[in-house]
Amino acid sequence: MRSIEILATIMTIVGFFLLSEKVFVVGFTISLFSNVLWLVWGADQKAWGIVTVNACLALSSINGIW
């Protein structure tokens, strides 16, 4: 689980960096995958606040891709 947490953190940073550089589709896609990783990690750790926030952020990323 530690590797999922580290990968999710890195993907979140890269995704938001790309969004700040106006590379929208790639940034939102990477951000979406990081949200999925956070959902997996949060469910495993029973961190329901993280799960809820990242579910909402994933919906936002899906909206940003389309």
C-alpha atoms as a PDB file:
ATOM      1  CA  MET A   1       0.000   0.000   0.000  1.00  0.00           C
ATOM      2  CA  ARG A   2       2.903   2.352   0.590  1.00  0.00           C
ATOM      3  CA  SER A   3       3.852   2.208  -3.094  1.00  0.00           C
ATOM      4  CA  ILE A   4       0.271   3.126  -4.096  1.00  0.00           C
ATOM      5  CA  GLU A   5       0.394   6.129  -1.767  1.00  0.00           C
ATOM      6  CA  ILE A   6       3.720   7.297  -3.214  1.00  0.00           C
ATOM      7  CA  LEU A   7       2.599   6.792  -6.823  1.00  0.00           C
ATOM      8  CA  ALA A   8      -0.694   8.610  -6.159  1.00  0.00           C
ATOM      9  CA  THR A   9       1.198  11.546  -4.644  1.00  0.00           C
ATOM     10  CA  ILE A  10       3.567  11.810  -7.608  1.00  0.00           C
ATOM     11  CA  MET A  11       0.725  11.522 -10.115  1.00  0.00           C
ATOM     12  CA  THR A  12      -1.265  14.209  -8.286  1.00  0.00           C
ATOM     13  CA  ILE A  13       1.669  16.617  -8.444  1.00  0.00           C
ATOM     14  CA  VAL A  14       2.381  15.891 -12.112  1.00  0.00           C
ATOM     15  CA  GLY A  15      -1.299  16.134 -13.028  1.00  0.00           C
ATOM     16  CA  PHE A  16      -1.768  19.517 -11.398  1.00  0.00           C
ATOM     17  CA  PHE A  17       1.528  20.778 -12.822  1.00  0.00           C
ATOM     18  CA  LEU A  18       0.304  19.898 -16.318  1.00  0.00           C
ATOM     19  CA  LEU A  19      -2.997  21.624 -15.609  1.00  0.00           C
ATOM     20  CA  SER A  20      -1.133  24.750 -14.546  1.00  0.00           C
ATOM     21  CA  GLU A  21       0.797  24.588 -17.830  1.00  0.00           C
ATOM     22  CA  LYS A  22      -2.518  24.401 -19.729  1.00  0.00           C
ATOM     23  CA  VAL A  23      -2.011  20.811 -20.905  1.00  0.00           C
ATOM     24  CA  PHE A  24      -5.598  20.078 -19.973  1.00  0.00           C
ATOM     25  CA  VAL A  25      -6.477  16.642 -21.361  1.00  0.00           C
ATOM     26  CA  VAL A  26      -3.248  14.976 -20.205  1.00  0.00           C
ATOM     27  CA  GLY A  27      -3.340  16.795 -16.862  1.00  0.00           C
ATOM     28  CA  PHE A  28      -6.934  15.805 -16.160  1.00  0.00           C
ATOM     29  CA  THR A  29      -6.238  12.208 -17.249  1.00  0.00           C
ATOM     30  CA  ILE A  30      -3.242  11.851 -14.930  1.00  0.00           C
ATOM     31  CA  SER A  31      -5.212  13.521 -12.160  1.00  0.00           C
ATOM     32  CA  LEU A  32      -8.061  11.047 -12.711  1.00  0.00           C
ATOM     33  CA  PHE A  33      -5.704   8.087 -12.395  1.00  0.00           C
ATOM     34  CA  SER A  34      -4.236   9.561  -9.218  1.00  0.00           C
ATOM     35  CA  ASN A  35      -7.775   9.899  -7.832  1.00  0.00           C
ATOM     36  CA  VAL A  36      -8.373   6.215  -8.531  1.00  0.00           C
ATOM     37  CA  LEU A  37      -5.173   5.326  -6.694  1.00  0.00           C
ATOM     38  CA  TRP A  38      -6.235   7.504  -3.745  1.00  0.00           C
ATOM     39  CA  LEU A  39      -9.621   5.745  -3.750  1.00  0.00           C
ATOM     40  CA  VAL A  40      -7.905   2.350  -3.574  1.00  0.00           C
ATOM     41  CA  TRP A  41      -5.551   3.512  -0.826  1.00  0.00           C
ATOM     42  CA  GLY A  42      -8.307   5.247   1.137  1.00  0.00           C
ATOM     43  CA  ALA A  43     -10.600   2.231   1.016  1.00  0.00           C
ATOM     44  CA  ASP A  44      -7.797  -0.046   2.188  1.00  0.00           C
ATOM     45  CA  GLN A  45      -6.934   2.315   5.058  1.00  0.00           C
ATOM     46  CA  LYS A  46     -10.619   2.953   5.835  1.00  0.00           C
ATOM     47  CA  ALA A  47      -9.995   6.681   5.321  1.00  0.00           C
ATOM     48  CA  TRP A  48     -13.510   7.542   4.179  1.00  0.00           C
ATOM     49  CA  GLY A  49     -12.830  11.280   4.022  1.00  0.00           C
ATOM     50  CA  ILE A  50     -10.077  10.682   1.457  1.00  0.00           C
ATOM     51  CA  VAL A  51     -12.389   8.370  -0.477  1.00  0.00           C
ATOM     52  CA  THR A  52     -15.179  10.968  -0.543  1.00  0.00           C
ATOM     53  CA  VAL A  53     -12.948  13.867  -1.586  1.00  0.00           C
ATOM     54  CA  ASN A  54     -11.212  11.869  -4.315  1.00  0.00           C
ATOM     55  CA  ALA A  55     -14.504  10.551  -5.665  1.00  0.00           C
ATOM     56  CA  CYS A  56     -15.616  14.166  -6.096  1.00  0.00           C
ATOM     57  CA  LEU A  57     -12.279  15.136  -7.641  1.00  0.00           C
ATOM     58  CA  ALA A  58     -12.487  12.165 -10.024  1.00  0.00           C
ATOM     59  CA  LEU A  59     -15.874  13.420 -11.227  1.00  0.00           C
ATOM     60  CA  SER A  60     -14.314  16.840 -11.752  1.00  0.00           C
ATOM     61  CA  SER A  61     -11.471  15.276 -13.763  1.00  0.00           C
ATOM     62  CA  ILE A  62     -13.933  13.365 -15.918  1.00  0.00           C
ATOM     63  CA  ASN A  63     -15.754  16.633 -16.550  1.00  0.00           C
ATOM     64  CA  GLY A  64     -12.445  18.295 -17.464  1.00  0.00           C
ATOM     65  CA  ILE A  65     -11.521  15.588 -19.986  1.00  0.00           C
ATOM     66  CA  TRP A  66     -14.777  16.085 -21.873  1.00  0.00           C
END
